[in-house]
Amino acid sequence: MNAEGFWEGCWQREDPEALNSYLGGYLKLRCDEIDLFQRAGLRTVCDAACGFGAYTLALASNGFLVRSFDISPTAAAFTREGLKRFGYAVEVKVADLLCTGYADGEFDGVFAHSVMDHMTRADAAAALKELCRIVRPGGLALLSFDTAEEGDFSAAHEMLPDGSLLYTGDSSRKGMIFHPYDREQIRSLVAGYEIVMESVNRKDEQIVVIKV
């Protein structure tokens, strides 16, 4: 199964009402990443691989001009309709991290939460290059990475040559890639860029913000 097929299948199994209830928790969310983007004077932000729009809502409700995309048409629709419920009209399209379709330097910044670690290392490097392409020089790119847990390794999987896990078996993870990152591996991925922030957020995700 390709990435588009896997993630589309995942989102089709979700309950829209449950997602919208959860989405409300991101309205006017305050966090270090958003504070940093505001202090830096950023206005236009892309929410890359937006899922059901949690950070799209967080950014929009904190005054940013946001556009979003996801590889899953169902996720894009969830984001579009979920934001409308809170009074925000946001442009959301279907696109791939490796080919976003935006112009060079179109945004002041980009958020990419919990997505780079669901790609092979080579694809993550290519995706980072693409995300930095659509951010203006001097803008910021935020990446977050899920902290690996015991269950991530015990689920049936095949180990790929780059250390990524490709899940197999009959679980809901079948076809998903997870590449566990530690701090040094994250620094290796973003080598060549200035790191302006490193942290661990309330969901135990590892955060790095780089200057483009």
N, C-alpha and C. Protein backbone atom coordinates (compact mmCIF):
# COMPACT_ATOMS: atom_id res chain seq x y z
N MET A 1 0.85 -1.19 0.00
CA MET A 1 0.00 0.00 0.00
C MET A 1 0.89 1.25 0.00
N ASN A 2 0.58 2.24 -0.86
CA ASN A 2 1.36 3.46 -0.87
C ASN A 2 0.92 4.37 0.27
N ALA A 3 1.69 5.46 0.49
CA ALA A 3 1.40 6.35 1.62
C ALA A 3 0.01 6.97 1.49
N GLU A 4 -0.34 7.40 0.29
CA GLU A 4 -1.66 8.02 0.11
C GLU A 4 -2.77 7.04 0.48
N GLY A 5 -2.65 5.80 0.01
CA GLY A 5 -3.67 4.80 0.30
C GLY A 5 -3.76 4.48 1.78
N PHE A 6 -2.60 4.39 2.44
CA PHE A 6 -2.61 4.09 3.88
C PHE A 6 -3.30 5.18 4.66
N TRP A 7 -2.88 6.44 4.46
CA TRP A 7 -3.44 7.53 5.27
C TRP A 7 -4.90 7.81 4.92
N GLU A 8 -5.26 7.64 3.66
CA GLU A 8 -6.67 7.82 3.31
C GLU A 8 -7.53 6.79 4.02
N GLY A 9 -7.05 5.54 4.07
CA GLY A 9 -7.79 4.50 4.78
C GLY A 9 -7.92 4.81 6.26
N CYS A 10 -6.85 5.35 6.86
CA CYS A 10 -6.90 5.72 8.28
C CYS A 10 -7.96 6.78 8.54
N TRP A 11 -7.96 7.83 7.74
CA TRP A 11 -8.90 8.93 7.97
C TRP A 11 -10.33 8.54 7.67
N GLN A 12 -10.53 7.63 6.73
CA GLN A 12 -11.89 7.18 6.44
C GLN A 12 -12.50 6.40 7.60
N ARG A 13 -11.66 5.85 8.47
CA ARG A 13 -12.15 5.10 9.62
C ARG A 13 -12.46 6.00 10.82
N GLU A 14 -12.11 7.27 10.74
CA GLU A 14 -12.32 8.18 11.87
C GLU A 14 -13.76 8.68 11.94
N ASP A 15 -14.19 9.02 13.15
CA ASP A 15 -15.52 9.58 13.40
C ASP A 15 -15.42 11.11 13.34
N PRO A 16 -16.04 11.75 12.37
CA PRO A 16 -15.92 13.22 12.24
C PRO A 16 -16.36 13.98 13.48
N GLU A 17 -17.42 13.51 14.13
CA GLU A 17 -17.91 14.21 15.32
C GLU A 17 -16.91 14.14 16.46
N ALA A 18 -16.28 12.99 16.62
CA ALA A 18 -15.26 12.84 17.66
C ALA A 18 -14.07 13.74 17.36
N LEU A 19 -13.69 13.82 16.09
CA LEU A 19 -12.57 14.68 15.71
C LEU A 19 -12.89 16.15 15.97
N ASN A 20 -14.11 16.56 15.64
CA ASN A 20 -14.49 17.95 15.86
C ASN A 20 -14.51 18.31 17.34
N SER A 21 -14.90 17.35 18.17
CA SER A 21 -14.87 17.58 19.62
C SER A 21 -13.43 17.78 20.10
N TYR A 22 -12.54 16.96 19.58
CA TYR A 22 -11.12 17.06 19.94
C TYR A 22 -10.51 18.35 19.38
N LEU A 23 -10.96 18.74 18.18
CA LEU A 23 -10.42 19.91 17.51
C LEU A 23 -10.59 21.17 18.35
N GLY A 24 -11.70 21.24 19.09
CA GLY A 24 -11.96 22.43 19.89
C GLY A 24 -10.87 22.74 20.89
N GLY A 25 -10.12 21.73 21.31
CA GLY A 25 -9.03 21.95 22.25
C GLY A 25 -7.88 22.74 21.67
N TYR A 26 -7.86 22.93 20.37
CA TYR A 26 -6.78 23.67 19.72
C TYR A 26 -7.16 25.11 19.41
N LEU A 27 -8.38 25.49 19.71
CA LEU A 27 -8.82 26.87 19.49
C LEU A 27 -8.02 27.81 20.39
N LYS A 28 -7.32 28.75 19.76
CA LYS A 28 -6.47 29.73 20.46
C LYS A 28 -5.44 29.05 21.37
N LEU A 29 -4.98 27.90 20.93
CA LEU A 29 -3.94 27.18 21.67
C LEU A 29 -2.69 28.04 21.81
N ARG A 30 -2.15 28.08 23.00
CA ARG A 30 -0.88 28.76 23.23
C ARG A 30 0.21 27.72 23.47
N CYS A 31 1.29 27.83 22.76
CA CYS A 31 2.42 26.91 22.93
C CYS A 31 3.68 27.65 22.51
N ASP A 32 4.82 27.11 22.88
CA ASP A 32 6.09 27.77 22.61
C ASP A 32 6.31 28.00 21.11
N GLU A 33 5.87 27.05 20.30
CA GLU A 33 6.09 27.16 18.85
C GLU A 33 5.32 28.34 18.26
N ILE A 34 4.06 28.47 18.66
CA ILE A 34 3.25 29.59 18.16
C ILE A 34 3.79 30.91 18.68
N ASP A 35 4.19 30.94 19.95
CA ASP A 35 4.78 32.17 20.50
C ASP A 35 6.03 32.57 19.72
N LEU A 36 6.85 31.59 19.36
CA LEU A 36 8.06 31.87 18.59
C LEU A 36 7.72 32.45 17.23
N PHE A 37 6.76 31.86 16.54
CA PHE A 37 6.37 32.37 15.22
C PHE A 37 5.82 33.79 15.34
N GLN A 38 5.09 34.09 16.39
CA GLN A 38 4.57 35.44 16.57
C GLN A 38 5.68 36.43 16.87
N ARG A 39 6.60 36.07 17.74
CA ARG A 39 7.72 36.97 18.06
C ARG A 39 8.57 37.25 16.84
N ALA A 40 8.66 36.27 15.93
CA ALA A 40 9.45 36.44 14.72
C ALA A 40 8.72 37.27 13.66
N GLY A 41 7.47 37.64 13.93
CA GLY A 41 6.71 38.47 13.01
C GLY A 41 6.20 37.74 11.79
N LEU A 42 6.05 36.42 11.87
CA LEU A 42 5.54 35.66 10.74
C LEU A 42 4.04 35.86 10.59
N ARG A 43 3.58 35.87 9.35
CA ARG A 43 2.15 36.06 9.09
C ARG A 43 1.56 34.88 8.33
N THR A 44 2.17 34.50 7.23
CA THR A 44 1.63 33.42 6.40
C THR A 44 2.32 32.11 6.78
N VAL A 45 1.51 31.10 7.11
CA VAL A 45 2.05 29.82 7.56
C VAL A 45 1.34 28.68 6.85
N CYS A 46 2.10 27.69 6.43
CA CYS A 46 1.55 26.47 5.84
C CYS A 46 1.51 25.38 6.90
N ASP A 47 0.35 24.75 7.07
CA ASP A 47 0.25 23.57 7.93
C ASP A 47 0.38 22.35 7.03
N ALA A 48 1.56 21.75 7.03
CA ALA A 48 1.88 20.65 6.12
C ALA A 48 1.44 19.32 6.71
N ALA A 49 0.78 18.50 5.88
CA ALA A 49 0.23 17.22 6.35
C ALA A 49 -0.67 17.50 7.55
N CYS A 50 -1.71 18.28 7.31
CA CYS A 50 -2.51 18.90 8.38
C CYS A 50 -3.41 17.94 9.13
N GLY A 51 -3.60 16.71 8.63
CA GLY A 51 -4.51 15.79 9.32
C GLY A 51 -5.91 16.36 9.37
N PHE A 52 -6.54 16.37 10.57
CA PHE A 52 -7.89 16.91 10.66
C PHE A 52 -7.92 18.39 11.01
N GLY A 53 -6.73 19.03 11.01
CA GLY A 53 -6.69 20.49 11.11
C GLY A 53 -6.42 21.06 12.48
N ALA A 54 -5.89 20.26 13.40
CA ALA A 54 -5.65 20.74 14.76
C ALA A 54 -4.75 21.99 14.76
N TYR A 55 -3.61 21.90 14.11
CA TYR A 55 -2.70 23.05 14.13
C TYR A 55 -3.12 24.11 13.12
N THR A 56 -3.90 23.75 12.12
CA THR A 56 -4.48 24.77 11.26
C THR A 56 -5.37 25.69 12.09
N LEU A 57 -6.21 25.10 12.95
CA LEU A 57 -7.07 25.90 13.82
C LEU A 57 -6.25 26.67 14.84
N ALA A 58 -5.26 26.04 15.43
CA ALA A 58 -4.43 26.74 16.42
C ALA A 58 -3.77 27.97 15.80
N LEU A 59 -3.25 27.82 14.60
CA LEU A 59 -2.58 28.93 13.93
C LEU A 59 -3.58 30.01 13.50
N ALA A 60 -4.66 29.59 12.87
CA ALA A 60 -5.65 30.56 12.39
C ALA A 60 -6.25 31.35 13.55
N SER A 61 -6.55 30.69 14.65
CA SER A 61 -7.18 31.36 15.78
C SER A 61 -6.21 32.22 16.57
N ASN A 62 -4.92 32.12 16.25
CA ASN A 62 -3.92 33.01 16.84
C ASN A 62 -3.47 34.09 15.88
N GLY A 63 -4.23 34.27 14.80
CA GLY A 63 -4.01 35.41 13.92
C GLY A 63 -3.15 35.18 12.71
N PHE A 64 -2.69 33.97 12.48
CA PHE A 64 -1.89 33.70 11.29
C PHE A 64 -2.78 33.49 10.07
N LEU A 65 -2.26 33.82 8.91
CA LEU A 65 -2.92 33.51 7.64
C LEU A 65 -2.44 32.13 7.22
N VAL A 66 -3.32 31.15 7.29
CA VAL A 66 -2.92 29.75 7.14
C VAL A 66 -3.48 29.14 5.87
N ARG A 67 -2.66 28.34 5.23
CA ARG A 67 -3.11 27.42 4.19
C ARG A 67 -2.57 26.05 4.53
N SER A 68 -3.32 25.02 4.18
CA SER A 68 -2.98 23.67 4.63
C SER A 68 -3.08 22.67 3.49
N PHE A 69 -2.41 21.55 3.69
CA PHE A 69 -2.56 20.44 2.74
C PHE A 69 -2.37 19.12 3.46
N ASP A 70 -2.92 18.08 2.86
CA ASP A 70 -2.70 16.71 3.34
C ASP A 70 -2.75 15.78 2.15
N ILE A 71 -2.08 14.64 2.28
CA ILE A 71 -2.08 13.66 1.21
C ILE A 71 -3.43 12.96 1.09
N SER A 72 -4.21 12.97 2.18
CA SER A 72 -5.52 12.30 2.21
C SER A 72 -6.65 13.27 1.88
N PRO A 73 -7.44 13.00 0.85
CA PRO A 73 -8.60 13.86 0.55
C PRO A 73 -9.59 13.92 1.72
N THR A 74 -9.76 12.82 2.44
CA THR A 74 -10.68 12.83 3.57
C THR A 74 -10.16 13.73 4.68
N ALA A 75 -8.86 13.68 4.97
CA ALA A 75 -8.28 14.56 5.99
C ALA A 75 -8.44 16.02 5.57
N ALA A 76 -8.19 16.32 4.31
CA ALA A 76 -8.34 17.70 3.84
C ALA A 76 -9.78 18.18 4.03
N ALA A 77 -10.74 17.30 3.75
CA ALA A 77 -12.15 17.66 3.94
C ALA A 77 -12.48 17.86 5.41
N PHE A 78 -11.93 17.01 6.28
CA PHE A 78 -12.13 17.18 7.73
C PHE A 78 -11.62 18.54 8.18
N THR A 79 -10.44 18.92 7.71
CA THR A 79 -9.87 20.21 8.09
C THR A 79 -10.74 21.35 7.61
N ARG A 80 -11.15 21.30 6.36
CA ARG A 80 -11.96 22.37 5.78
C ARG A 80 -13.26 22.54 6.55
N GLU A 81 -13.96 21.44 6.79
CA GLU A 81 -15.26 21.51 7.46
C GLU A 81 -15.10 21.81 8.95
N GLY A 82 -14.06 21.26 9.58
CA GLY A 82 -13.85 21.52 10.99
C GLY A 82 -13.56 22.99 11.26
N LEU A 83 -12.73 23.60 10.42
CA LEU A 83 -12.42 25.01 10.59
C LEU A 83 -13.66 25.89 10.41
N LYS A 84 -14.53 25.50 9.49
CA LYS A 84 -15.76 26.27 9.27
C LYS A 84 -16.61 26.32 10.52
N ARG A 85 -16.61 25.23 11.29
CA ARG A 85 -17.41 25.18 12.52
C ARG A 85 -16.97 26.23 13.52
N PHE A 86 -15.72 26.63 13.42
CA PHE A 86 -15.20 27.64 14.34
C PHE A 86 -15.09 29.02 13.67
N GLY A 87 -15.66 29.13 12.48
CA GLY A 87 -15.73 30.43 11.82
C GLY A 87 -14.51 30.81 11.01
N TYR A 88 -13.70 29.82 10.61
CA TYR A 88 -12.50 30.12 9.83
C TYR A 88 -12.59 29.45 8.46
N ALA A 89 -12.39 30.24 7.43
CA ALA A 89 -12.36 29.72 6.06
C ALA A 89 -10.89 29.61 5.65
N VAL A 90 -10.41 28.40 5.51
CA VAL A 90 -9.00 28.16 5.23
C VAL A 90 -8.88 27.37 3.93
N GLU A 91 -7.93 27.78 3.09
CA GLU A 91 -7.67 27.04 1.85
C GLU A 91 -6.94 25.74 2.19
N VAL A 92 -7.55 24.63 1.87
CA VAL A 92 -6.96 23.32 2.15
C VAL A 92 -6.96 22.51 0.86
N LYS A 93 -5.81 21.96 0.51
CA LYS A 93 -5.75 21.18 -0.72
C LYS A 93 -5.13 19.81 -0.46
N VAL A 94 -5.25 18.94 -1.43
CA VAL A 94 -4.64 17.62 -1.39
C VAL A 94 -3.29 17.70 -2.10
N ALA A 95 -2.24 17.36 -1.37
CA ALA A 95 -0.89 17.42 -1.94
C ALA A 95 0.02 16.52 -1.14
N ASP A 96 1.18 16.27 -1.71
CA ASP A 96 2.19 15.39 -1.11
C ASP A 96 3.32 16.25 -0.55
N LEU A 97 3.91 15.82 0.55
CA LEU A 97 5.05 16.54 1.13
C LEU A 97 6.22 16.65 0.16
N LEU A 98 6.32 15.72 -0.76
CA LEU A 98 7.44 15.74 -1.70
C LEU A 98 7.18 16.65 -2.89
N CYS A 99 5.94 17.08 -3.06
CA CYS A 99 5.57 17.95 -4.18
C CYS A 99 4.34 18.74 -3.77
N THR A 100 4.54 19.85 -3.06
CA THR A 100 3.43 20.59 -2.48
C THR A 100 2.66 21.42 -3.50
N GLY A 101 3.33 21.84 -4.57
CA GLY A 101 2.66 22.66 -5.57
C GLY A 101 2.66 24.14 -5.26
N TYR A 102 3.25 24.55 -4.13
CA TYR A 102 3.34 25.98 -3.81
C TYR A 102 4.56 26.60 -4.47
N ALA A 103 4.55 27.92 -4.57
CA ALA A 103 5.66 28.64 -5.19
C ALA A 103 6.83 28.77 -4.22
N ASP A 104 8.00 29.05 -4.76
CA ASP A 104 9.17 29.30 -3.93
C ASP A 104 8.89 30.46 -2.99
N GLY A 105 9.22 30.30 -1.71
CA GLY A 105 9.11 31.39 -0.75
C GLY A 105 7.71 31.91 -0.53
N GLU A 106 6.71 31.08 -0.75
CA GLU A 106 5.32 31.54 -0.67
C GLU A 106 4.87 31.82 0.77
N PHE A 107 5.54 31.23 1.76
CA PHE A 107 5.13 31.37 3.15
C PHE A 107 6.24 31.95 4.00
N ASP A 108 5.83 32.53 5.13
CA ASP A 108 6.80 32.99 6.13
C ASP A 108 7.28 31.82 6.99
N GLY A 109 6.45 30.80 7.11
CA GLY A 109 6.82 29.66 7.94
C GLY A 109 5.97 28.45 7.62
N VAL A 110 6.39 27.31 8.16
CA VAL A 110 5.66 26.07 7.93
C VAL A 110 5.67 25.25 9.21
N PHE A 111 4.53 24.60 9.50
CA PHE A 111 4.41 23.62 10.58
C PHE A 111 4.32 22.24 9.93
N ALA A 112 5.08 21.29 10.44
CA ALA A 112 4.98 19.91 9.97
C ALA A 112 5.03 19.01 11.20
N HIS A 113 3.86 18.79 11.80
CA HIS A 113 3.76 18.02 13.04
C HIS A 113 3.60 16.53 12.77
N SER A 114 4.47 15.73 13.36
CA SER A 114 4.36 14.26 13.37
C SER A 114 4.17 13.68 11.98
N VAL A 115 5.01 14.10 11.06
CA VAL A 115 4.90 13.57 9.70
C VAL A 115 6.24 13.11 9.14
N MET A 116 7.32 13.80 9.46
CA MET A 116 8.63 13.42 8.91
C MET A 116 9.05 12.03 9.37
N ASP A 117 8.58 11.64 10.56
CA ASP A 117 8.95 10.33 11.08
C ASP A 117 8.06 9.21 10.55
N HIS A 118 7.17 9.53 9.62
CA HIS A 118 6.37 8.51 8.95
C HIS A 118 6.79 8.39 7.48
N MET A 119 8.09 8.64 7.25
CA MET A 119 8.68 8.54 5.93
C MET A 119 10.03 7.86 6.09
N THR A 120 10.54 7.29 5.00
CA THR A 120 11.91 6.81 5.03
C THR A 120 12.84 8.00 5.22
N ARG A 121 14.06 7.73 5.62
CA ARG A 121 15.00 8.82 5.83
C ARG A 121 15.24 9.61 4.54
N ALA A 122 15.33 8.93 3.42
CA ALA A 122 15.55 9.62 2.15
C ALA A 122 14.37 10.52 1.80
N ASP A 123 13.15 10.02 2.00
CA ASP A 123 11.97 10.83 1.71
C ASP A 123 11.85 11.99 2.68
N ALA A 124 12.23 11.79 3.95
CA ALA A 124 12.19 12.88 4.93
C ALA A 124 13.14 13.99 4.51
N ALA A 125 14.33 13.63 4.04
CA ALA A 125 15.28 14.64 3.59
C ALA A 125 14.74 15.40 2.39
N ALA A 126 14.09 14.69 1.47
CA ALA A 126 13.51 15.34 0.30
C ALA A 126 12.34 16.23 0.70
N ALA A 127 11.54 15.76 1.67
CA ALA A 127 10.40 16.55 2.14
C ALA A 127 10.88 17.82 2.83
N LEU A 128 11.94 17.73 3.62
CA LEU A 128 12.48 18.91 4.27
C LEU A 128 12.93 19.93 3.24
N LYS A 129 13.58 19.47 2.20
CA LYS A 129 14.02 20.37 1.13
C LYS A 129 12.82 21.06 0.48
N GLU A 130 11.75 20.31 0.26
CA GLU A 130 10.54 20.88 -0.35
C GLU A 130 9.89 21.90 0.57
N LEU A 131 9.78 21.57 1.87
CA LEU A 131 9.16 22.50 2.81
C LEU A 131 9.98 23.79 2.93
N CYS A 132 11.30 23.66 2.94
CA CYS A 132 12.13 24.86 3.02
C CYS A 132 12.05 25.68 1.73
N ARG A 133 11.81 25.02 0.62
CA ARG A 133 11.66 25.73 -0.66
C ARG A 133 10.48 26.69 -0.63
N ILE A 134 9.38 26.29 0.02
CA ILE A 134 8.17 27.12 -0.01
C ILE A 134 8.16 28.18 1.09
N VAL A 135 9.22 28.23 1.91
CA VAL A 135 9.36 29.25 2.95
C VAL A 135 10.38 30.28 2.48
N ARG A 136 10.06 31.54 2.70
CA ARG A 136 10.97 32.62 2.29
C ARG A 136 12.28 32.56 3.08
N PRO A 137 13.37 33.07 2.50
CA PRO A 137 14.63 33.12 3.23
C PRO A 137 14.45 33.90 4.54
N GLY A 138 14.94 33.32 5.62
CA GLY A 138 14.79 33.94 6.93
C GLY A 138 13.55 33.49 7.67
N GLY A 139 12.66 32.75 6.98
CA GLY A 139 11.47 32.22 7.62
C GLY A 139 11.79 31.01 8.47
N LEU A 140 10.77 30.43 9.08
CA LEU A 140 10.97 29.33 10.02
C LEU A 140 10.21 28.08 9.59
N ALA A 141 10.81 26.93 9.88
CA ALA A 141 10.16 25.64 9.64
C ALA A 141 10.17 24.85 10.93
N LEU A 142 8.98 24.41 11.36
CA LEU A 142 8.84 23.59 12.55
C LEU A 142 8.61 22.15 12.16
N LEU A 143 9.35 21.26 12.79
CA LEU A 143 9.18 19.83 12.60
C LEU A 143 8.98 19.20 13.96
N SER A 144 8.06 18.24 14.06
CA SER A 144 7.93 17.48 15.30
C SER A 144 8.01 16.00 15.00
N PHE A 145 8.48 15.25 15.99
CA PHE A 145 8.73 13.83 15.85
C PHE A 145 8.17 13.11 17.06
N ASP A 146 7.38 12.07 16.82
CA ASP A 146 6.85 11.28 17.93
C ASP A 146 7.99 10.57 18.67
N THR A 147 7.93 10.59 19.97
CA THR A 147 8.90 9.84 20.77
C THR A 147 8.53 8.36 20.73
N ALA A 148 9.48 7.52 20.35
CA ALA A 148 9.21 6.09 20.20
C ALA A 148 8.83 5.46 21.54
N GLU A 149 7.85 4.57 21.50
CA GLU A 149 7.41 3.83 22.68
C GLU A 149 7.59 2.33 22.44
N GLU A 150 7.51 1.55 23.51
CA GLU A 150 7.75 0.11 23.41
C GLU A 150 6.84 -0.54 22.36
N GLY A 151 5.58 -0.13 22.33
CA GLY A 151 4.63 -0.72 21.39
C GLY A 151 4.99 -0.48 19.94
N ASP A 152 5.74 0.58 19.67
CA ASP A 152 6.16 0.85 18.29
C ASP A 152 7.07 -0.24 17.76
N PHE A 153 7.82 -0.86 18.65
CA PHE A 153 8.78 -1.89 18.23
C PHE A 153 8.21 -3.30 18.35
N SER A 154 7.20 -3.48 19.21
CA SER A 154 6.65 -4.82 19.40
C SER A 154 5.61 -5.18 18.34
N ALA A 155 5.00 -4.18 17.70
CA ALA A 155 4.03 -4.46 16.63
C ALA A 155 4.77 -5.11 15.45
N ALA A 156 4.10 -6.01 14.76
CA ALA A 156 4.72 -6.72 13.64
C ALA A 156 5.23 -5.72 12.60
N HIS A 157 6.51 -5.89 12.22
CA HIS A 157 7.08 -4.95 11.26
C HIS A 157 8.27 -5.58 10.54
N GLU A 158 8.62 -4.93 9.46
CA GLU A 158 9.84 -5.24 8.71
C GLU A 158 10.79 -4.06 8.89
N MET A 159 12.05 -4.33 9.16
CA MET A 159 13.02 -3.26 9.32
C MET A 159 13.63 -2.92 7.96
N LEU A 160 13.48 -1.69 7.53
CA LEU A 160 14.04 -1.26 6.25
C LEU A 160 15.53 -0.93 6.42
N PRO A 161 16.28 -0.88 5.33
CA PRO A 161 17.72 -0.66 5.44
C PRO A 161 18.12 0.62 6.17
N ASP A 162 17.29 1.65 6.13
CA ASP A 162 17.64 2.92 6.78
C ASP A 162 17.21 2.97 8.25
N GLY A 163 16.68 1.87 8.78
CA GLY A 163 16.24 1.84 10.17
C GLY A 163 14.78 2.18 10.36
N SER A 164 14.05 2.45 9.28
CA SER A 164 12.62 2.70 9.37
C SER A 164 11.89 1.38 9.59
N LEU A 165 10.77 1.46 10.30
CA LEU A 165 9.91 0.29 10.51
C LEU A 165 8.75 0.36 9.53
N LEU A 166 8.55 -0.70 8.76
CA LEU A 166 7.38 -0.83 7.89
C LEU A 166 6.47 -1.86 8.52
N TYR A 167 5.29 -1.42 8.99
CA TYR A 167 4.42 -2.31 9.74
C TYR A 167 3.72 -3.29 8.82
N THR A 168 3.63 -4.54 9.31
CA THR A 168 3.04 -5.63 8.56
C THR A 168 1.90 -6.22 9.40
N GLY A 169 1.50 -7.44 9.09
CA GLY A 169 0.46 -8.09 9.89
C GLY A 169 -0.92 -7.56 9.58
N ASP A 170 -1.84 -7.77 10.51
CA ASP A 170 -3.25 -7.42 10.28
C ASP A 170 -3.71 -6.22 11.10
N SER A 171 -2.80 -5.52 11.77
CA SER A 171 -3.20 -4.39 12.60
C SER A 171 -3.51 -3.17 11.75
N SER A 172 -4.06 -2.14 12.41
CA SER A 172 -4.38 -0.89 11.71
C SER A 172 -3.12 -0.17 11.24
N ARG A 173 -1.96 -0.58 11.72
CA ARG A 173 -0.71 0.05 11.30
C ARG A 173 -0.17 -0.54 10.00
N LYS A 174 -0.75 -1.62 9.51
CA LYS A 174 -0.20 -2.28 8.34
C LYS A 174 -0.01 -1.29 7.18
N GLY A 175 1.21 -1.20 6.69
CA GLY A 175 1.53 -0.31 5.59
C GLY A 175 2.11 1.02 6.04
N MET A 176 2.10 1.30 7.34
CA MET A 176 2.63 2.56 7.85
C MET A 176 4.14 2.45 8.07
N ILE A 177 4.84 3.52 7.78
CA ILE A 177 6.26 3.63 8.06
C ILE A 177 6.44 4.48 9.32
N PHE A 178 7.34 4.05 10.18
CA PHE A 178 7.72 4.87 11.33
C PHE A 178 9.23 4.82 11.45
N HIS A 179 9.85 5.99 11.41
CA HIS A 179 11.29 6.07 11.59
C HIS A 179 11.55 6.77 12.92
N PRO A 180 11.98 6.02 13.95
CA PRO A 180 12.22 6.64 15.26
C PRO A 180 13.45 7.53 15.22
N TYR A 181 13.30 8.75 15.73
CA TYR A 181 14.40 9.72 15.77
C TYR A 181 14.76 10.02 17.21
N ASP A 182 16.06 10.12 17.48
CA ASP A 182 16.51 10.71 18.73
C ASP A 182 17.04 12.11 18.41
N ARG A 183 17.50 12.81 19.42
CA ARG A 183 17.92 14.20 19.24
C ARG A 183 19.02 14.33 18.19
N GLU A 184 20.00 13.45 18.24
CA GLU A 184 21.11 13.55 17.30
C GLU A 184 20.68 13.24 15.87
N GLN A 185 19.76 12.31 15.70
CA GLN A 185 19.26 12.01 14.36
C GLN A 185 18.46 13.17 13.79
N ILE A 186 17.72 13.86 14.66
CA ILE A 186 17.00 15.05 14.20
C ILE A 186 17.99 16.12 13.77
N ARG A 187 19.02 16.31 14.57
CA ARG A 187 20.04 17.30 14.21
C ARG A 187 20.73 16.94 12.90
N SER A 188 20.92 15.66 12.67
CA SER A 188 21.53 15.22 11.41
C SER A 188 20.61 15.53 10.24
N LEU A 189 19.30 15.31 10.42
CA LEU A 189 18.34 15.59 9.35
C LEU A 189 18.35 17.05 8.96
N VAL A 190 18.48 17.95 9.94
CA VAL A 190 18.40 19.39 9.66
C VAL A 190 19.78 20.03 9.56
N ALA A 191 20.81 19.21 9.42
CA ALA A 191 22.18 19.73 9.30
C ALA A 191 22.26 20.76 8.17
N GLY A 192 22.94 21.87 8.45
CA GLY A 192 23.06 22.94 7.46
C GLY A 192 22.10 24.07 7.70
N TYR A 193 21.11 23.86 8.56
CA TYR A 193 20.16 24.92 8.93
C TYR A 193 20.43 25.37 10.37
N GLU A 194 20.15 26.63 10.63
CA GLU A 194 20.28 27.14 12.00
C GLU A 194 19.10 26.67 12.84
N ILE A 195 19.38 26.02 13.94
CA ILE A 195 18.34 25.59 14.86
C ILE A 195 18.04 26.74 15.81
N VAL A 196 16.79 27.19 15.84
CA VAL A 196 16.42 28.31 16.72
C VAL A 196 15.62 27.85 17.93
N MET A 197 15.17 26.60 17.93
CA MET A 197 14.46 26.08 19.09
C MET A 197 14.48 24.56 19.07
N GLU A 198 14.68 23.97 20.23
CA GLU A 198 14.54 22.53 20.45
C GLU A 198 13.77 22.34 21.75
N SER A 199 12.79 21.45 21.73
CA SER A 199 12.02 21.23 22.96
C SER A 199 11.26 19.91 22.85
N VAL A 200 10.58 19.55 23.93
CA VAL A 200 9.64 18.44 23.96
C VAL A 200 8.31 19.02 24.40
N ASN A 201 7.24 18.79 23.61
CA ASN A 201 5.96 19.44 23.92
C ASN A 201 5.10 18.60 24.86
N ARG A 202 3.88 19.08 25.08
CA ARG A 202 2.98 18.44 26.05
C ARG A 202 2.55 17.04 25.62
N LYS A 203 2.71 16.71 24.34
CA LYS A 203 2.37 15.38 23.86
C LYS A 203 3.61 14.48 23.75
N ASP A 204 4.71 14.93 24.36
CA ASP A 204 5.97 14.19 24.35
C ASP A 204 6.54 14.07 22.94
N GLU A 205 6.22 15.04 22.09
CA GLU A 205 6.83 15.10 20.75
C GLU A 205 8.10 15.93 20.83
N GLN A 206 9.10 15.50 20.09
CA GLN A 206 10.34 16.27 19.98
C GLN A 206 10.14 17.34 18.92
N ILE A 207 10.45 18.58 19.30
CA ILE A 207 10.24 19.73 18.41
C ILE A 207 11.57 20.33 18.02
N VAL A 208 11.70 20.68 16.76
CA VAL A 208 12.84 21.48 16.31
C VAL A 208 12.31 22.54 15.35
N VAL A 209 12.79 23.76 15.52
CA VAL A 209 12.47 24.86 14.61
C VAL A 209 13.77 25.34 14.00
N ILE A 210 13.79 25.43 12.68
CA ILE A 210 14.99 25.88 11.96
C ILE A 210 14.70 27.14 11.18
N LYS A 211 15.75 27.93 10.96
CA LYS A 211 15.65 29.10 10.11
C LYS A 211 16.03 28.70 8.70
N VAL A 212 15.20 29.09 7.76
CA VAL A 212 15.41 28.71 6.35
C VAL A 212 16.37 29.69 5.67
